[in-house]
Amino acid sequence: MNKTEIIAAMAEKSGLSKKDAEKALKAFTETVVEELQQGGRVQIVGFGTFEVSERAAREGRNPRTNEVMRIEASRAPRFKAGKALKDAINA
């Protein structure tokens, strides 16, 4: 399912126009991104939690040349599914 299909499904289920559903989806994604940029987390009970995980700097190897290279520390977004979502998928 791509973004256009998600917007269409949201519009159909909520009774909103596609334009309003697109605004709602955009507002949701922007809000999540802003919170994660600040180091926070977004928890939606029954669905899951979006959070940031810290990756330490480390050494890696270039597989072609076997040369040792430094991999910088970084932050990565993570999503952990909630129990209700897991149960719904496994039902």
Protein backbone atom coordinates (compact mmCIF):
# COMPACT_ATOMS: atom_id res chain seq x y z
CA MET A 1 0.00 0.00 0.00
CA ASN A 2 1.46 3.35 -0.98
CA LYS A 3 0.71 6.86 0.26
CA THR A 4 -2.07 7.50 -2.27
CA GLU A 5 -3.79 4.25 -1.33
CA ILE A 6 -3.48 5.05 2.38
CA ILE A 7 -5.06 8.47 1.81
CA ALA A 8 -7.92 6.92 -0.18
CA ALA A 9 -8.54 4.30 2.54
CA MET A 10 -8.44 6.92 5.30
CA ALA A 11 -10.90 9.11 3.39
CA GLU A 12 -13.29 6.20 2.87
CA LYS A 13 -13.18 4.98 6.48
CA SER A 14 -13.44 8.43 8.08
CA GLY A 15 -15.84 10.13 5.68
CA LEU A 16 -13.29 12.88 5.03
CA SER A 17 -12.46 14.14 1.58
CA LYS A 18 -9.19 12.86 0.10
CA LYS A 19 -7.73 16.34 0.46
CA ASP A 20 -8.60 16.43 4.20
CA ALA A 21 -7.30 12.87 4.69
CA GLU A 22 -4.04 13.89 3.01
CA LYS A 23 -3.74 16.91 5.36
CA ALA A 24 -4.38 14.65 8.36
CA LEU A 25 -1.75 12.13 7.26
CA LYS A 26 0.77 14.90 6.57
CA ALA A 27 0.11 16.49 9.98
CA PHE A 28 0.56 13.11 11.68
CA THR A 29 3.86 12.34 9.95
CA GLU A 30 5.23 15.85 10.55
CA THR A 31 4.31 15.66 14.24
CA VAL A 32 6.02 12.28 14.66
CA VAL A 33 9.16 13.49 12.85
CA GLU A 34 9.35 16.68 14.95
CA GLU A 35 9.02 14.73 18.19
CA LEU A 36 11.67 12.18 17.17
CA GLN A 37 14.05 14.97 16.12
CA GLN A 38 13.80 16.35 19.66
CA GLY A 39 14.68 12.92 21.06
CA GLY A 40 11.17 12.15 22.26
CA ARG A 41 8.90 9.23 21.56
CA VAL A 42 5.37 8.90 20.26
CA GLN A 43 3.22 6.21 21.83
CA ILE A 44 -0.16 5.28 20.38
CA VAL A 45 -1.80 2.88 22.81
CA GLY A 46 -2.93 -0.28 21.04
CA PHE A 47 -0.85 0.49 17.94
CA GLY A 48 2.78 0.99 18.87
CA THR A 49 5.62 3.32 19.76
CA PHE A 50 7.90 5.39 17.57
CA GLU A 51 11.26 6.20 19.16
CA VAL A 52 14.86 7.02 18.34
CA SER A 53 17.67 4.55 18.89
CA GLU A 54 21.28 5.66 19.25
CA ARG A 55 23.92 3.81 17.29
CA ALA A 56 27.46 4.09 18.60
CA ALA A 57 30.42 4.78 16.32
CA ARG A 58 32.18 1.62 15.27
CA GLU A 59 34.63 0.15 12.81
CA GLY A 60 33.43 -1.71 9.77
CA ARG A 61 35.01 -3.25 6.70
CA ASN A 62 34.60 -2.48 3.04
CA PRO A 63 33.60 -5.90 1.63
CA ARG A 64 35.36 -5.28 -1.70
CA THR A 65 38.72 -4.12 -0.43
CA ASN A 66 38.58 -5.50 3.12
CA GLU A 67 39.72 -2.02 4.20
CA VAL A 68 38.83 -0.97 7.75
CA MET A 69 36.61 2.11 7.82
CA ARG A 70 35.06 4.21 10.55
CA ILE A 71 31.27 4.27 10.76
CA GLU A 72 30.05 7.41 12.52
CA ALA A 73 27.55 7.39 15.39
CA SER A 74 23.98 7.97 14.24
CA ARG A 75 20.38 8.07 15.36
CA ALA A 76 17.78 5.84 13.74
CA PRO A 77 13.98 5.78 14.02
CA ARG A 78 12.43 2.63 15.45
CA PHE A 79 8.87 1.36 15.63
CA LYS A 80 7.79 -1.18 18.21
CA ALA A 81 4.37 -2.70 17.59
CA GLY A 82 1.90 -2.70 20.47
CA LYS A 83 0.19 -5.80 21.84
CA ALA A 84 -3.19 -5.00 20.24
CA LEU A 85 -1.57 -4.65 16.79
CA LYS A 86 0.36 -7.91 17.22
CA ASP A 87 -2.78 -9.71 18.37
CA ALA A 88 -4.82 -8.34 15.43
CA ILE A 89 -2.23 -9.54 12.93
CA ASN A 90 -1.92 -12.98 14.51
CA ALA A 91 -5.69 -13.53 14.91
